[in-house]
Amino acid sequence: MDNRNKCAGCYRQFNKMEHLVEHMRTSFHSNHEPICGICHKHCRSFESLREHLIGPLPKAECERIFKDRGCDVCLNIFSSRHALHHHRDKGHFSRGSNGILYRMANLGIQDELRMDNSRGKVVSLACKTVGGGSDGSLDLCARVCLIDEHQNLIFHTYVKPNLPVTNYRYETTGIRPEYLRDATPVRQVGRKIQDYLCNGEPIWQIRSRNGKARILVGHGLDHDLKCLEVEYPELLIRDTARYPPLMKTSKLSNSLKYLTKAYLGYEIQNGVQDPHEDCVATMRLYKRMRSQDHRVESYPLASDQQNRNNFASWRQTELERMSPERMLEMSRSDYYCWCLDSK
C-alpha cells in the first residue's frame, strides 16, 4: 500500500488518496490531540492513547518503552527511570483531605461569594442531590460547594428543594432531614451562584472568554446547573464529563471517580460522597488539561468562522495533490482545548 495515502496524524492507511482526504476532513487532527511521546501518533482521547501504550492491543515498541519510562497517570514519557521517579515523587496528587468528610458534613454556611476578582477567574462547582417524586428518582439539589482555583472553599451550603424529599439517599449523601429544615431555598442559592459567576456582567452580554465572568469547572454541569436553576453560557463551561480528550473511545462520558483514579492517581467517592472532594478533583483535572504545552495556532478551531485554513476552503483536486504532512499541518481541532485558557 502506498505510504502517500497514510495519515500523518493517526497513521491509518487508505487505498486511495481521495479516501485519505475524506478522513482528514472529518478527523479534525491537531496538535491539541493526545499524542504518543514515542511514535507521535495522534489519538482522539487519552483513553485511546492509553490503549495504544498499555493495551489490550498496544503497539509493541511503544509498550516496551512506556513500561520502562512512562507515567501511567499522565501518560508522558521521560528521558530516564530517574526522571520518571522524580516526576512521581513531585507531581502525583493525593487525596490530601483527611477528615474532610467529617468537617464538611458538620459545616454550615460558608459564603465568600463577592463581586470581585480577588479569588481568580476559575471556580469549580459540585452538587449532591436527594430524591423527590413518588419513587425518589427525581434529583433535587440538597448541597452545593464552590472552590477557587487554589482549592480554597468559597461557598458551601445545604439547599432546601422546591419539592418534598422522598429519599435522602443517606448512604451516599450523608444528608439528614434536619440539615435541610432551615436551609436556603434552591432558587435563592442558584441566583446567588449565578451572580457570582457572572461577576457583574449581564448574562445575555457574555460573548467572550476575556470578560469579567468566571470560568466554571465541574463534572456533569448540565445536571448540576439544572438542579440549581442556573443558566450559564457554554463558552465559559469546562465540563470534565464532556471534554473530548477525557471521554471514552466510544465518545461516552467517563465517571468522575474513574477520571480521578486514572488521571490524578487517587480514589474518591467511597462511602459518603462530598461535593468539596468532587470540586477538588474536577479543578485538578481542569488544571492538568490546561497546563498542556501545545503549539499556538492562528486559528485553533475548525468550527471558527474566521478559520480559512479549514479543508472546506480547498478543492478536492488541490487536497489530493497535497502531502499527508501538509494536510495535517493545516488541520484544526473541532473542540476548544483548555490549554487556550492559559494563552
Protein backbone atom coordinates (compact mmCIF):
# COMPACT_ATOMS: atom_id res chain seq x y z
CA MET A 1 0.00 0.00 0.00
CA ASP A 2 1.26 3.48 -0.94
CA ASN A 3 2.60 5.38 2.09
CA ARG A 4 1.46 8.56 0.38
CA ASN A 5 -2.05 7.53 1.41
CA LYS A 6 -1.09 7.17 5.08
CA CYS A 7 -2.47 9.70 7.55
CA ALA A 8 0.38 11.69 9.12
CA GLY A 9 -1.68 12.01 12.33
CA CYS A 10 -3.15 8.64 13.30
CA TYR A 11 -1.14 6.55 10.77
CA ARG A 12 -4.21 4.93 9.21
CA GLN A 13 -3.58 3.81 5.64
CA PHE A 14 -6.02 4.16 2.77
CA ASN A 15 -6.29 2.53 -0.65
CA LYS A 16 -6.80 5.84 -2.43
CA MET A 17 -5.75 9.43 -1.82
CA GLU A 18 -9.39 10.56 -2.02
CA HIS A 19 -10.16 8.34 0.99
CA LEU A 20 -7.34 9.94 2.98
CA VAL A 21 -8.67 13.39 2.07
CA GLU A 22 -12.14 12.43 3.30
CA HIS A 23 -10.58 11.10 6.52
CA MET A 24 -8.74 14.39 7.06
CA ARG A 25 -11.95 16.37 6.50
CA THR A 26 -13.70 14.53 9.34
CA SER A 27 -10.90 13.55 11.77
CA PHE A 28 -10.01 17.12 12.91
CA HIS A 29 -6.47 16.10 13.80
CA SER A 30 -4.43 18.83 15.50
CA ASN A 31 -1.59 19.38 17.93
CA HIS A 32 -4.24 19.64 20.68
CA GLU A 33 -4.96 15.89 20.50
CA PRO A 34 -3.24 13.48 22.92
CA ILE A 35 -0.08 12.37 21.13
CA CYS A 36 2.16 9.38 21.85
CA GLY A 37 5.50 10.61 23.18
CA ILE A 38 7.28 7.75 21.43
CA CYS A 39 5.90 7.33 17.89
CA HIS A 40 3.96 10.66 17.84
CA LYS A 41 0.69 9.06 16.80
CA HIS A 42 -2.33 11.33 17.31
CA CYS A 43 -5.14 9.86 19.42
CA ARG A 44 -8.68 11.18 19.78
CA SER A 45 -8.68 10.82 23.57
CA PHE A 46 -6.40 9.89 26.45
CA GLU A 47 -8.27 6.57 26.63
CA SER A 48 -7.19 5.87 23.04
CA LEU A 49 -3.63 6.84 23.94
CA ARG A 50 -3.74 4.55 26.99
CA GLU A 51 -4.86 1.65 24.79
CA HIS A 52 -2.07 2.43 22.34
CA LEU A 53 0.54 2.35 25.14
CA ILE A 54 -0.79 -0.29 27.52
CA GLY A 55 -3.36 -2.46 25.78
CA PRO A 56 -5.33 -4.54 25.18
CA LEU A 57 -3.59 -4.32 21.76
CA PRO A 58 -0.72 -1.86 22.25
CA LYS A 59 1.97 -1.04 19.73
CA ALA A 60 4.80 -3.33 20.86
CA GLU A 61 7.71 -0.86 20.73
CA CYS A 62 5.72 1.91 22.42
CA GLU A 63 4.55 -0.51 25.11
CA ARG A 64 8.13 -1.60 25.82
CA ILE A 65 9.43 1.96 26.23
CA PHE A 66 6.36 3.07 28.20
CA LYS A 67 6.79 0.23 30.70
CA ASP A 68 10.34 1.42 31.29
CA ARG A 69 9.96 5.24 31.33
CA GLY A 70 6.24 6.08 31.13
CA CYS A 71 3.91 7.52 33.76
CA ASP A 72 0.64 5.57 33.91
CA VAL A 73 -1.21 8.63 35.27
CA CYS A 74 -0.26 11.48 32.92
CA LEU A 75 0.91 9.09 30.11
CA ASN A 76 4.06 11.13 29.47
CA ILE A 77 7.38 9.53 28.56
CA PHE A 78 10.51 10.56 30.47
CA SER A 79 14.16 10.58 29.47
CA SER A 80 15.20 8.06 32.13
CA ARG A 81 13.85 5.97 35.01
CA HIS A 82 15.35 8.51 37.39
CA ALA A 83 13.39 11.34 35.74
CA LEU A 84 10.22 9.22 35.99
CA HIS A 85 10.77 8.57 39.71
CA HIS A 86 11.38 12.28 40.30
CA HIS A 87 8.14 13.10 38.46
CA ARG A 88 6.18 10.59 40.53
CA ASP A 89 7.56 11.93 43.79
CA LYS A 90 6.85 15.52 42.84
CA GLY A 91 3.80 15.51 40.61
CA HIS A 92 1.26 12.97 41.85
CA PHE A 93 -1.79 14.09 43.75
CA SER A 94 -3.06 12.58 46.94
CA ARG A 95 -6.47 12.91 48.40
CA GLY A 96 -4.87 15.22 50.96
CA SER A 97 -8.05 15.83 52.90
CA ASN A 98 -8.08 13.64 55.99
CA GLY A 99 -11.23 14.30 57.94
CA ILE A 100 -12.71 16.46 55.20
CA LEU A 101 -15.89 14.40 55.08
CA TYR A 102 -16.50 14.89 58.78
CA ARG A 103 -15.72 18.60 58.66
CA MET A 104 -17.87 19.25 55.62
CA ALA A 105 -20.79 17.20 56.94
CA ASN A 106 -20.83 19.40 60.02
CA LEU A 107 -20.18 22.64 58.20
CA GLY A 108 -22.94 25.21 57.99
CA ILE A 109 -22.92 28.06 55.52
CA GLN A 110 -19.58 29.17 54.13
CA ASP A 111 -20.07 32.25 51.99
CA GLU A 112 -17.19 34.05 50.30
CA LEU A 113 -19.13 34.99 47.17
CA ARG A 114 -18.00 38.52 46.30
CA MET A 115 -18.27 40.54 43.11
CA ASP A 116 -14.53 40.95 42.61
CA ASN A 117 -11.60 39.14 41.03
CA SER A 118 -9.52 38.53 44.14
CA ARG A 119 -10.41 34.81 44.11
CA GLY A 120 -9.39 34.34 40.49
CA LYS A 121 -11.16 33.71 37.22
CA VAL A 122 -11.82 29.96 37.57
CA VAL A 123 -14.18 28.25 40.05
CA SER A 124 -15.30 24.64 40.44
CA LEU A 125 -18.85 23.65 41.43
CA ALA A 126 -20.37 20.38 42.63
CA CYS A 127 -23.79 19.43 43.98
CA LYS A 128 -25.20 16.47 45.87
CA THR A 129 -28.79 15.53 45.25
CA VAL A 130 -31.52 13.81 47.22
CA GLY A 131 -34.59 12.11 45.75
CA GLY A 132 -38.03 13.51 45.08
CA GLY A 133 -41.17 12.16 43.47
CA SER A 134 -43.17 9.08 44.38
CA ASP A 135 -40.26 6.69 43.77
CA GLY A 136 -37.45 9.03 44.93
CA SER A 137 -35.81 9.07 41.50
CA LEU A 138 -36.19 12.82 40.84
CA ASP A 139 -32.89 14.62 41.55
CA LEU A 140 -33.21 17.58 43.93
CA CYS A 141 -30.17 19.67 44.86
CA ALA A 142 -29.61 19.50 48.63
CA ARG A 143 -25.99 20.58 48.98
CA VAL A 144 -23.65 22.71 46.90
CA CYS A 145 -19.98 23.65 47.08
CA LEU A 146 -17.71 26.06 45.17
CA ILE A 147 -13.93 26.32 45.38
CA ASP A 148 -11.44 28.64 43.73
CA GLU A 149 -8.50 27.74 41.52
CA HIS A 150 -6.27 27.13 44.56
CA GLN A 151 -8.81 24.71 46.10
CA ASN A 152 -9.90 27.22 48.75
CA LEU A 153 -13.53 26.92 49.80
CA ILE A 154 -15.64 29.82 48.51
CA PHE A 155 -19.18 28.65 49.21
CA HIS A 156 -20.91 25.75 50.90
CA THR A 157 -24.49 25.36 51.97
CA TYR A 158 -27.29 22.89 52.32
CA VAL A 159 -30.16 23.66 49.98
CA LYS A 160 -33.90 23.40 50.53
CA PRO A 161 -35.53 21.87 47.42
CA ASN A 162 -38.77 23.18 45.95
CA LEU A 163 -40.38 19.74 46.18
CA PRO A 164 -40.74 17.34 49.14
CA VAL A 165 -37.82 14.95 49.66
CA THR A 166 -38.86 11.30 49.49
CA ASN A 167 -35.39 9.71 49.60
CA TYR A 168 -32.42 11.34 51.35
CA ARG A 169 -30.02 8.78 49.82
CA TYR A 170 -28.21 8.86 53.14
CA GLU A 171 -25.68 6.11 52.30
CA THR A 172 -24.09 8.31 49.63
CA THR A 173 -25.13 11.86 50.61
CA GLY A 174 -24.88 11.73 54.40
CA ILE A 175 -27.78 14.21 54.42
CA ARG A 176 -30.40 14.05 57.17
CA PRO A 177 -33.80 15.81 57.24
CA GLU A 178 -32.66 18.27 59.92
CA TYR A 179 -29.87 19.56 57.62
CA LEU A 180 -32.47 20.85 55.15
CA ARG A 181 -35.13 22.07 57.57
CA ASP A 182 -33.79 25.65 57.78
CA ALA A 183 -31.66 25.53 54.62
CA THR A 184 -31.67 28.30 52.00
CA PRO A 185 -34.24 27.74 49.19
CA VAL A 186 -32.75 26.44 45.95
CA ARG A 187 -33.88 29.44 43.89
CA GLN A 188 -32.10 31.85 46.24
CA VAL A 189 -28.92 29.75 46.23
CA GLY A 190 -28.99 29.49 42.43
CA ARG A 191 -29.43 33.24 41.98
CA LYS A 192 -26.51 33.91 44.33
CA ILE A 193 -24.23 31.50 42.47
CA GLN A 194 -25.21 32.85 39.05
CA ASP A 195 -24.49 36.43 40.17
CA TYR A 196 -21.08 35.35 41.44
CA LEU A 197 -20.23 33.55 38.19
CA CYS A 198 -21.30 36.48 36.03
CA ASN A 199 -19.21 38.80 38.26
CA GLY A 200 -21.06 41.97 37.26
CA GLU A 201 -21.57 41.08 33.59
CA PRO A 202 -25.21 40.73 32.46
CA ILE A 203 -25.56 37.09 31.38
CA TRP A 204 -27.02 37.99 27.98
CA GLN A 205 -23.95 40.16 27.22
CA ILE A 206 -21.35 37.45 27.92
CA ARG A 207 -19.85 36.80 24.48
CA SER A 208 -16.15 36.48 25.27
CA ARG A 209 -13.81 34.41 27.39
CA ASN A 210 -11.87 37.58 28.18
CA GLY A 211 -14.55 39.43 30.17
CA LYS A 212 -15.14 39.57 33.91
CA ALA A 213 -17.38 36.47 34.07
CA ARG A 214 -15.76 33.39 35.57
CA ILE A 215 -14.86 30.04 34.01
CA LEU A 216 -16.97 27.30 35.61
CA VAL A 217 -15.42 23.85 36.09
CA GLY A 218 -17.33 20.71 37.07
CA HIS A 219 -18.46 17.21 36.10
CA GLY A 220 -21.92 16.82 34.59
CA LEU A 221 -22.57 20.55 34.88
CA ASP A 222 -25.74 20.40 32.78
CA HIS A 223 -27.30 18.34 35.55
CA ASP A 224 -25.93 20.47 38.41
CA LEU A 225 -26.99 23.77 36.84
CA LYS A 226 -30.44 22.42 36.08
CA CYS A 227 -30.86 21.29 39.72
CA LEU A 228 -29.78 24.78 40.87
CA GLU A 229 -31.99 26.52 38.27
CA VAL A 230 -28.94 28.36 36.97
CA GLU A 231 -28.21 29.35 33.36
CA TYR A 232 -24.66 29.96 32.19
CA PRO A 233 -23.10 30.40 28.72
CA GLU A 234 -21.47 27.36 27.16
CA LEU A 235 -18.27 29.21 26.24
CA LEU A 236 -17.37 29.56 29.94
CA ILE A 237 -18.17 25.97 30.97
CA ARG A 238 -15.38 23.39 31.37
CA ASP A 239 -17.08 20.04 31.94
CA THR A 240 -14.84 17.02 32.57
CA ALA A 241 -17.75 14.74 31.55
CA ARG A 242 -17.96 16.27 28.04
CA TYR A 243 -14.34 17.19 27.26
CA PRO A 244 -13.35 15.01 24.25
CA PRO A 245 -9.80 14.11 25.46
CA LEU A 246 -11.26 12.79 28.75
CA MET A 247 -14.09 10.76 27.19
CA LYS A 248 -14.20 7.07 26.36
CA THR A 249 -13.12 5.86 22.92
CA SER A 250 -16.86 5.30 22.29
CA LYS A 251 -17.33 9.08 22.89
CA LEU A 252 -19.35 8.41 26.06
CA SER A 253 -18.55 10.11 29.35
CA ASN A 254 -16.26 8.64 31.99
CA SER A 255 -17.31 8.90 35.62
CA LEU A 256 -15.51 11.42 37.83
CA LYS A 257 -14.49 8.52 40.08
CA TYR A 258 -12.74 6.84 37.14
CA LEU A 259 -11.11 10.04 35.84
CA THR A 260 -9.73 10.87 39.29
CA LYS A 261 -8.23 7.40 39.70
CA ALA A 262 -6.88 7.19 36.13
CA TYR A 263 -5.54 10.74 35.66
CA LEU A 264 -4.92 12.02 39.19
CA GLY A 265 -3.94 8.72 40.81
CA TYR A 266 -6.21 8.57 43.86
CA GLU A 267 -9.68 7.35 44.90
CA ILE A 268 -12.79 9.43 45.58
CA GLN A 269 -16.49 8.80 46.24
CA ASN A 270 -16.04 5.89 48.60
CA GLY A 271 -18.96 5.76 51.02
CA VAL A 272 -20.50 9.15 51.77
CA GLN A 273 -19.75 11.45 48.84
CA ASP A 274 -18.65 15.00 49.45
CA PRO A 275 -19.13 17.87 46.97
CA HIS A 276 -15.88 19.51 48.14
CA GLU A 277 -13.96 16.40 47.14
CA ASP A 278 -15.64 16.44 43.71
CA CYS A 279 -14.79 20.15 43.30
CA VAL A 280 -11.13 19.48 44.08
CA ALA A 281 -10.97 16.56 41.62
CA THR A 282 -12.54 18.49 38.74
CA MET A 283 -10.33 21.53 39.38
CA ARG A 284 -7.22 19.34 39.37
CA LEU A 285 -8.31 17.65 36.14
CA TYR A 286 -9.01 21.03 34.55
CA LYS A 287 -5.62 22.45 35.56
CA ARG A 288 -3.84 19.36 34.27
CA MET A 289 -5.57 19.70 30.91
CA ARG A 290 -4.97 23.46 30.84
CA SER A 291 -1.24 23.06 31.56
CA GLN A 292 -0.54 21.08 28.37
CA ASP A 293 2.06 22.85 26.27
CA HIS A 294 0.53 22.90 22.80
CA ARG A 295 1.76 24.94 19.87
CA VAL A 296 -0.23 28.14 19.39
CA GLU A 297 -2.19 28.24 16.12
CA SER A 298 -3.57 31.30 14.37
CA TYR A 299 -6.98 29.67 14.06
CA PRO A 300 -7.28 26.98 16.73
CA LEU A 301 -10.77 25.67 15.88
CA ALA A 302 -12.07 24.18 12.63
CA SER A 303 -15.50 25.47 13.65
CA ASP A 304 -14.39 29.11 13.94
CA GLN A 305 -15.98 31.08 11.09
CA GLN A 306 -12.83 33.12 10.50
CA ASN A 307 -10.73 29.98 10.06
CA ARG A 308 -9.74 29.88 6.40
CA ASN A 309 -7.22 27.07 6.87
CA ASN A 310 -10.03 24.53 7.01
CA PHE A 311 -10.47 21.85 4.34
CA ALA A 312 -13.80 23.34 3.25
CA SER A 313 -11.94 26.18 1.53
CA TRP A 314 -9.90 23.83 -0.69
CA ARG A 315 -10.95 21.93 -3.81
CA GLN A 316 -10.79 18.14 -3.78
CA THR A 317 -8.18 18.05 -6.56
CA GLU A 318 -5.95 20.51 -4.66
CA LEU A 319 -6.17 18.42 -1.49
CA GLU A 320 -5.33 15.21 -3.34
CA ARG A 321 -2.08 16.79 -4.55
CA MET A 322 -1.01 17.70 -1.01
CA SER A 323 1.27 15.55 1.10
CA PRO A 324 -0.22 13.91 4.25
CA GLU A 325 2.11 16.11 6.33
CA ARG A 326 0.79 19.30 4.70
CA MET A 327 -2.82 18.25 5.33
CA LEU A 328 -2.03 17.53 8.98
CA GLU A 329 -0.35 20.93 9.30
CA MET A 330 -3.49 22.76 8.17
CA SER A 331 -5.95 20.52 10.05
CA ARG A 332 -7.65 22.04 13.10
CA SER A 333 -9.40 20.70 16.19
CA ASP A 334 -13.20 20.68 16.40
CA TYR A 335 -13.21 21.29 20.17
CA TYR A 336 -11.89 24.10 22.35
CA CYS A 337 -8.68 22.91 24.01
CA TRP A 338 -8.44 24.04 27.64
CA CYS A 339 -4.76 24.93 27.12
CA LEU A 340 -6.09 28.03 25.34
CA ASP A 341 -7.39 29.34 28.68
CA SER A 342 -3.77 29.94 29.70
CA LYS A 343 -2.75 31.69 26.47
